PDB file of N, CA and C in Angstrom:
ATOM      1  N   MET A   1      25.193  25.091  45.751  1.00  0.00           N
ATOM      2  CA  MET A   1      23.917  25.765  45.879  1.00  0.00           C
ATOM      3  C   MET A   1      23.271  25.886  44.497  1.00  0.00           C
ATOM      4  N   ARG A   2      21.992  25.605  44.453  1.00  0.00           N
ATOM      5  CA  ARG A   2      21.257  25.604  43.197  1.00  0.00           C
ATOM      6  C   ARG A   2      20.499  26.918  43.028  1.00  0.00           C
ATOM      7  N   LEU A   3      20.626  27.528  41.861  1.00  0.00           N
ATOM      8  CA  LEU A   3      19.893  28.750  41.566  1.00  0.00           C
ATOM      9  C   LEU A   3      18.520  28.376  41.017  1.00  0.00           C
ATOM     10  N   ASN A   4      17.487  28.873  41.644  1.00  0.00           N
ATOM     11  CA  ASN A   4      16.125  28.622  41.175  1.00  0.00           C
ATOM     12  C   ASN A   4      15.732  29.685  40.163  1.00  0.00           C
ATOM     13  N   TRP A   5      15.368  29.252  38.967  1.00  0.00           N
ATOM     14  CA  TRP A   5      14.947  30.160  37.921  1.00  0.00           C
ATOM     15  C   TRP A   5      13.472  30.499  38.023  1.00  0.00           C
ATOM     16  N   PHE A   6      12.688  29.556  38.551  1.00  0.00           N
ATOM     17  CA  PHE A   6      11.239  29.709  38.615  1.00  0.00           C
ATOM     18  C   PHE A   6      10.737  29.366  40.005  1.00  0.00           C
ATOM     19  N   LYS A   7       9.510  29.804  40.275  1.00  0.00           N
ATOM     20  CA  LYS A   7       8.832  29.439  41.507  1.00  0.00           C
ATOM     21  C   LYS A   7       7.457  28.911  41.116  1.00  0.00           C
ATOM     22  N   GLU A   8       7.054  27.802  41.738  1.00  0.00           N
ATOM     23  CA  GLU A   8       5.731  27.258  41.449  1.00  0.00           C
ATOM     24  C   GLU A   8       4.678  28.268  41.869  1.00  0.00           C
ATOM     25  N   TRP A   9       3.690  28.441  41.020  1.00  0.00           N
ATOM     26  CA  TRP A   9       2.635  29.417  41.241  1.00  0.00           C
ATOM     27  C   TRP A   9       1.322  28.769  40.795  1.00  0.00           C
ATOM     28  N   GLY A  10       0.761  27.949  41.675  1.00  0.00           N
ATOM     29  CA  GLY A  10      -0.403  27.149  41.294  1.00  0.00           C
ATOM     30  C   GLY A  10       0.030  26.069  40.322  1.00  0.00           C
ATOM     31  N   TRP A  11      -0.618  26.034  39.170  1.00  0.00           N
ATOM     32  CA  TRP A  11      -0.240  25.080  38.119  1.00  0.00           C
ATOM     33  C   TRP A  11       0.824  25.654  37.197  1.00  0.00           C
ATOM     34  N   LEU A  12       1.152  26.906  37.354  1.00  0.00           N
ATOM     35  CA  LEU A  12       2.096  27.591  36.470  1.00  0.00           C
ATOM     36  C   LEU A  12       3.421  27.801  37.181  1.00  0.00           C
ATOM     37  N   TYR A  13       4.364  28.372  36.453  1.00  0.00           N
ATOM     38  CA  TYR A  13       5.666  28.720  37.008  1.00  0.00           C
ATOM     39  C   TYR A  13       5.922  30.194  36.742  1.00  0.00           C
ATOM     40  N   ARG A  14       6.390  30.875  37.781  1.00  0.00           N
ATOM     41  CA  ARG A  14       6.683  32.307  37.686  1.00  0.00           C
ATOM     42  C   ARG A  14       8.188  32.492  37.702  1.00  0.00           C
ATOM     43  N   PRO A  15       8.754  33.216  36.719  1.00  0.00           N
ATOM     44  CA  PRO A  15      10.200  33.431  36.728  1.00  0.00           C
ATOM     45  C   PRO A  15      10.615  34.306  37.908  1.00  0.00           C
ATOM     46  N   VAL A  16      11.718  33.921  38.557  1.00  0.00           N
ATOM     47  CA  VAL A  16      12.226  34.694  39.689  1.00  0.00           C
ATOM     48  C   VAL A  16      13.695  35.076  39.504  1.00  0.00           C
ATOM     49  N   ALA A  17      14.306  34.637  38.407  1.00  0.00           N
ATOM     50  CA  ALA A  17      15.706  34.959  38.135  1.00  0.00           C
ATOM     51  C   ALA A  17      15.846  35.311  36.657  1.00  0.00           C
ATOM     52  N   LEU A  18      16.939  35.956  36.331  1.00  0.00           N
ATOM     53  CA  LEU A  18      17.174  36.401  34.952  1.00  0.00           C
ATOM     54  C   LEU A  18      17.092  35.269  33.927  1.00  0.00           C
ATOM     55  N   PRO A  19      17.698  34.096  34.158  1.00  0.00           N
ATOM     56  CA  PRO A  19      17.559  33.024  33.160  1.00  0.00           C
ATOM     57  C   PRO A  19      16.105  32.584  32.954  1.00  0.00           C
ATOM     58  N   GLY A  20      15.303  32.630  33.994  1.00  0.00           N
ATOM     59  CA  GLY A  20      13.891  32.292  33.874  1.00  0.00           C
ATOM     60  C   GLY A  20      13.140  33.299  33.022  1.00  0.00           C
ATOM     61  N   TRP A  21      13.416  34.574  33.268  1.00  0.00           N
ATOM     62  CA  TRP A  21      12.791  35.622  32.455  1.00  0.00           C
ATOM     63  C   TRP A  21      13.217  35.513  30.999  1.00  0.00           C
ATOM     64  N   LEU A  22      14.492  35.214  30.780  1.00  0.00           N
ATOM     65  CA  LEU A  22      14.989  35.068  29.414  1.00  0.00           C
ATOM     66  C   LEU A  22      14.308  33.892  28.713  1.00  0.00           C
ATOM     67  N   ALA A  23      14.139  32.776  29.401  1.00  0.00           N
ATOM     68  CA  ALA A  23      13.451  31.620  28.819  1.00  0.00           C
ATOM     69  C   ALA A  23      12.008  31.968  28.468  1.00  0.00           C
ATOM     70  N   LEU A  24      11.328  32.696  29.352  1.00  0.00           N
ATOM     71  CA  LEU A  24       9.945  33.094  29.091  1.00  0.00           C
ATOM     72  C   LEU A  24       9.860  34.044  27.893  1.00  0.00           C
ATOM     73  N   ILE A  25      10.735  35.019  27.850  1.00  0.00           N
ATOM     74  CA  ILE A  25      10.724  35.994  26.751  1.00  0.00           C
ATOM     75  C   ILE A  25      11.013  35.312  25.419  1.00  0.00           C
ATOM     76  N   LEU A  26      11.980  34.402  25.400  1.00  0.00           N
ATOM     77  CA  LEU A  26      12.301  33.687  24.159  1.00  0.00           C
ATOM     78  C   LEU A  26      11.149  32.797  23.703  1.00  0.00           C
ATOM     79  N   THR A  27      10.474  32.149  24.635  1.00  0.00           N
ATOM     80  CA  THR A  27       9.348  31.293  24.275  1.00  0.00           C
ATOM     81  C   THR A  27       8.185  32.117  23.732  1.00  0.00           C
ATOM     82  N   VAL A  28       7.908  33.242  24.363  1.00  0.00           N
ATOM     83  CA  VAL A  28       6.834  34.117  23.875  1.00  0.00           C
ATOM     84  C   VAL A  28       7.197  34.699  22.510  1.00  0.00           C
ATOM     85  N   ALA A  29       8.440  35.136  22.335  1.00  0.00           N
ATOM     86  CA  ALA A  29       8.875  35.685  21.050  1.00  0.00           C
ATOM     87  C   ALA A  29       8.775  34.646  19.944  1.00  0.00           C
ATOM     88  N   PHE A  30       9.180  33.405  20.246  1.00  0.00           N
ATOM     89  CA  PHE A  30       9.066  32.325  19.262  1.00  0.00           C
ATOM     90  C   PHE A  30       7.599  32.077  18.910  1.00  0.00           C
ATOM     91  N   SER A  31       6.722  32.076  19.904  1.00  0.00           N
ATOM     92  CA  SER A  31       5.307  31.831  19.659  1.00  0.00           C
ATOM     93  C   SER A  31       4.694  32.935  18.788  1.00  0.00           C
ATOM     94  N   VAL A  32       5.045  34.173  19.055  1.00  0.00           N
ATOM     95  CA  VAL A  32       4.542  35.299  18.250  1.00  0.00           C
ATOM     96  C   VAL A  32       5.055  35.208  16.822  1.00  0.00           C
ATOM     97  N   GLN A  33       6.338  34.880  16.667  1.00  0.00           N
ATOM     98  CA  GLN A  33       6.928  34.758  15.328  1.00  0.00           C
ATOM     99  C   GLN A  33       6.262  33.644  14.531  1.00  0.00           C
ATOM    100  N   VAL A  34       6.022  32.509  15.160  1.00  0.00           N
ATOM    101  CA  VAL A  34       5.346  31.402  14.480  1.00  0.00           C
ATOM    102  C   VAL A  34       3.929  31.802  14.104  1.00  0.00           C
ATOM    103  N   PHE A  35       3.217  32.461  15.009  1.00  0.00           N
ATOM    104  CA  PHE A  35       1.853  32.884  14.711  1.00  0.00           C
ATOM    105  C   PHE A  35       1.809  33.813  13.504  1.00  0.00           C
ATOM    106  N   THR A  36       2.679  34.815  13.466  1.00  0.00           N
ATOM    107  CA  THR A  36       2.646  35.763  12.345  1.00  0.00           C
ATOM    108  C   THR A  36       3.037  35.093  11.032  1.00  0.00           C
ATOM    109  N   ALA A  37       4.010  34.177  11.070  1.00  0.00           N
ATOM    110  CA  ALA A  37       4.423  33.491   9.850  1.00  0.00           C
ATOM    111  C   ALA A  37       3.325  32.569   9.328  1.00  0.00           C
ATOM    112  N   VAL A  38       2.668  31.848  10.207  1.00  0.00           N
ATOM    113  CA  VAL A  38       1.609  30.928   9.787  1.00  0.00           C
ATOM    114  C   VAL A  38       0.366  31.701   9.368  1.00  0.00           C
ATOM    115  N   ASP A  39       0.003  32.715  10.132  1.00  0.00           N
ATOM    116  CA  ASP A  39      -1.217  33.469   9.847  1.00  0.00           C
ATOM    117  C   ASP A  39      -1.128  34.227   8.533  1.00  0.00           C
ATOM    118  N   ARG A  40       0.070  34.598   8.144  1.00  0.00           N
ATOM    119  CA  ARG A  40       0.255  35.337   6.899  1.00  0.00           C
ATOM    120  C   ARG A  40      -0.232  34.532   5.693  1.00  0.00           C
ATOM    121  N   HIS A  41      -0.120  33.206   5.753  1.00  0.00           N
ATOM    122  CA  HIS A  41      -0.470  32.360   4.617  1.00  0.00           C
ATOM    123  C   HIS A  41      -1.730  31.527   4.853  1.00  0.00           C
ATOM    124  N   SER A  42      -2.424  31.763   5.943  1.00  0.00           N
ATOM    125  CA  SER A  42      -3.630  30.996   6.252  1.00  0.00           C
ATOM    126  C   SER A  42      -4.850  31.626   5.597  1.00  0.00           C
ATOM    127  N   HIS A  43      -5.812  30.747   5.299  1.00  0.00           N
ATOM    128  CA  HIS A  43      -7.054  31.220   4.686  1.00  0.00           C
ATOM    129  C   HIS A  43      -8.200  31.268   5.681  1.00  0.00           C
ATOM    130  N   SER A  44      -8.004  30.667   6.849  1.00  0.00           N
ATOM    131  CA  SER A  44      -9.064  30.667   7.855  1.00  0.00           C
ATOM    132  C   SER A  44      -8.446  30.537   9.248  1.00  0.00           C
ATOM    133  N   VAL A  45      -9.299  30.687  10.231  1.00  0.00           N
ATOM    134  CA  VAL A  45      -8.850  30.550  11.616  1.00  0.00           C
ATOM    135  C   VAL A  45      -8.360  29.131  11.868  1.00  0.00           C
ATOM    136  N   SER A  46      -9.065  28.154  11.319  1.00  0.00           N
ATOM    137  CA  SER A  46      -8.652  26.766  11.538  1.00  0.00           C
ATOM    138  C   SER A  46      -7.303  26.477  10.884  1.00  0.00           C
ATOM    139  N   ASP A  47      -7.021  27.076   9.740  1.00  0.00           N
ATOM    140  CA  ASP A  47      -5.695  26.933   9.125  1.00  0.00           C
ATOM    141  C   ASP A  47      -4.605  27.450  10.065  1.00  0.00           C
ATOM    142  N   THR A  48      -4.858  28.594  10.666  1.00  0.00           N
ATOM    143  CA  THR A  48      -3.887  29.171  11.599  1.00  0.00           C
ATOM    144  C   THR A  48      -3.697  28.270  12.808  1.00  0.00           C
ATOM    145  N   LEU A  49      -4.793  27.788  13.396  1.00  0.00           N
ATOM    146  CA  LEU A  49      -4.690  26.934  14.572  1.00  0.00           C
ATOM    147  C   LEU A  49      -3.968  25.626  14.263  1.00  0.00           C
ATOM    148  N   TYR A  50      -4.296  25.012  13.141  1.00  0.00           N
ATOM    149  CA  TYR A  50      -3.603  23.773  12.757  1.00  0.00           C
ATOM    150  C   TYR A  50      -2.130  24.036  12.474  1.00  0.00           C
ATOM    151  N   GLY A  51      -1.806  25.203  11.962  1.00  0.00           N
ATOM    152  CA  GLY A  51      -0.423  25.528  11.639  1.00  0.00           C
ATOM    153  C   GLY A  51       0.441  25.821  12.861  1.00  0.00           C
ATOM    154  N   ILE A  52      -0.126  26.512  13.841  1.00  0.00           N
ATOM    155  CA  ILE A  52       0.680  26.893  15.011  1.00  0.00           C
ATOM    156  C   ILE A  52       0.732  25.805  16.061  1.00  0.00           C
ATOM    157  N   PHE A  53      -0.259  24.903  16.069  1.00  0.00           N
ATOM    158  CA  PHE A  53      -0.374  23.913  17.136  1.00  0.00           C
ATOM    159  C   PHE A  53       0.902  23.123  17.403  1.00  0.00           C
ATOM    160  N   PRO A  54       1.529  22.492  16.399  1.00  0.00           N
ATOM    161  CA  PRO A  54       2.717  21.691  16.721  1.00  0.00           C
ATOM    162  C   PRO A  54       3.886  22.516  17.250  1.00  0.00           C
ATOM    163  N   PHE A  55       4.042  23.723  16.775  1.00  0.00           N
ATOM    164  CA  PHE A  55       5.136  24.576  17.229  1.00  0.00           C
ATOM    165  C   PHE A  55       4.900  25.085  18.644  1.00  0.00           C
ATOM    166  N   TRP A  56       3.675  25.535  18.913  1.00  0.00           N
ATOM    167  CA  TRP A  56       3.363  26.061  20.239  1.00  0.00           C
ATOM    168  C   TRP A  56       3.394  24.966  21.285  1.00  0.00           C
ATOM    169  N   VAL A  57       2.836  23.819  20.990  1.00  0.00           N
ATOM    170  CA  VAL A  57       2.835  22.732  21.970  1.00  0.00           C
ATOM    171  C   VAL A  57       4.263  22.317  22.294  1.00  0.00           C
ATOM    172  N   SER A  58       5.099  22.195  21.271  1.00  0.00           N
ATOM    173  CA  SER A  58       6.501  21.827  21.492  1.00  0.00           C
ATOM    174  C   SER A  58       7.243  22.875  22.313  1.00  0.00           C
ATOM    175  N   ALA A  59       7.089  24.135  21.947  1.00  0.00           N
ATOM    176  CA  ALA A  59       7.800  25.210  22.643  1.00  0.00           C
ATOM    177  C   ALA A  59       7.367  25.303  24.101  1.00  0.00           C
ATOM    178  N   TRP A  60       6.069  25.260  24.363  1.00  0.00           N
ATOM    179  CA  TRP A  60       5.590  25.404  25.737  1.00  0.00           C
ATOM    180  C   TRP A  60       5.822  24.155  26.563  1.00  0.00           C
ATOM    181  N   THR A  61       5.908  23.006  25.910  1.00  0.00           N
ATOM    182  CA  THR A  61       6.271  21.777  26.629  1.00  0.00           C
ATOM    183  C   THR A  61       7.718  21.849  27.103  1.00  0.00           C
ATOM    184  N   VAL A  62       8.602  22.298  26.234  1.00  0.00           N
ATOM    185  CA  VAL A  62      10.013  22.460  26.621  1.00  0.00           C
ATOM    186  C   VAL A  62      10.133  23.503  27.726  1.00  0.00           C
ATOM    187  N   PHE A  63       9.401  24.604  27.600  1.00  0.00           N
ATOM    188  CA  PHE A  63       9.418  25.630  28.643  1.00  0.00           C
ATOM    189  C   PHE A  63       8.923  25.072  29.980  1.00  0.00           C
ATOM    190  N   GLY A  64       7.838  24.314  29.955  1.00  0.00           N
ATOM    191  CA  GLY A  64       7.309  23.716  31.178  1.00  0.00           C
ATOM    192  C   GLY A  64       8.279  22.737  31.804  1.00  0.00           C
ATOM    193  N   TRP A  65       8.942  21.944  30.966  1.00  0.00           N
ATOM    194  CA  TRP A  65       9.941  21.002  31.471  1.00  0.00           C
ATOM    195  C   TRP A  65      11.103  21.762  32.116  1.00  0.00           C
ATOM    196  N   LEU A  66      11.600  22.785  31.440  1.00  0.00           N
ATOM    197  CA  LEU A  66      12.695  23.587  31.977  1.00  0.00           C
ATOM    198  C   LEU A  66      12.287  24.238  33.297  1.00  0.00           C
ATOM    199  N   ALA A  67      11.097  24.793  33.335  1.00  0.00           N
ATOM    200  CA  ALA A  67      10.622  25.449  34.548  1.00  0.00           C
ATOM    201  C   ALA A  67      10.474  24.452  35.694  1.00  0.00           C
ATOM    202  N   SER A  68       9.991  23.264  35.406  1.00  0.00           N
ATOM    203  CA  SER A  68       9.829  22.280  36.478  1.00  0.00           C
ATOM    204  C   SER A  68      11.164  21.787  37.008  1.00  0.00           C
ATOM    205  N   ARG A  69      12.167  21.731  36.159  1.00  0.00           N
ATOM    206  CA  ARG A  69      13.486  21.264  36.577  1.00  0.00           C
ATOM    207  C   ARG A  69      14.283  22.324  37.333  1.00  0.00           C
ATOM    208  N   THR A  70      13.948  23.593  37.144  1.00  0.00           N
ATOM    209  CA  THR A  70      14.724  24.670  37.781  1.00  0.00           C
ATOM    210  C   THR A  70      13.866  25.507  38.729  1.00  0.00           C
ATOM    211  N   SER A  71      12.813  24.914  39.277  1.00  0.00           N
ATOM    212  CA  SER A  71      11.917  25.682  40.145  1.00  0.00           C
ATOM    213  C   SER A  71      12.145  25.370  41.613  1.00  0.00           C
ATOM    214  N   ALA A  72      11.766  26.333  42.428  1.00  0.00           N
ATOM    215  CA  ALA A  72      11.807  26.148  43.887  1.00  0.00           C
ATOM    216  C   ALA A  72      10.524  25.426  44.289  1.00  0.00           C
ATOM    217  N   LYS A  73      10.670  24.379  45.032  1.00  0.00           N
ATOM    218  CA  LYS A  73       9.517  23.620  45.502  1.00  0.00           C
ATOM    219  C   LYS A  73       8.951  24.306  46.738  1.00  0.00           C
ATOM    220  N   PRO A  74       7.610  24.418  46.812  1.00  0.00           N
ATOM    221  CA  PRO A  74       7.016  25.055  47.997  1.00  0.00           C
ATOM    222  C   PRO A  74       7.211  24.165  49.230  1.00  0.00           C
ATOM    223  N   ASN A  75       7.299  24.787  50.368  1.00  0.00           N
ATOM    224  CA  ASN A  75       7.450  24.039  51.623  1.00  0.00           C
ATOM    225  C   ASN A  75       6.160  23.324  51.965  1.00  0.00           C
ATOM    226  N   SER A  76       6.264  22.037  52.244  1.00  0.00           N
ATOM    227  CA  SER A  76       5.071  21.250  52.552  1.00  0.00           C
ATOM    228  C   SER A  76       4.930  21.076  54.043  1.00  0.00           C
TER     229      SER A  76
END
């Protein structure tokens, strides 16, 4: 039996189990940490956006992949 960590919710994934919530919390915490570290040394908004972009895209891509692999598929 497979444990579903996420449930499809439109285009997004909603955590339904503890490992799913943990993955979401870790991804959000990483994103906040990257934002504060990059923003501390940025001189403009564009500096911040260029600095966080590769980290955020990578982190949320991995999260999306994990969620898609461990999600419950809706009944068709």
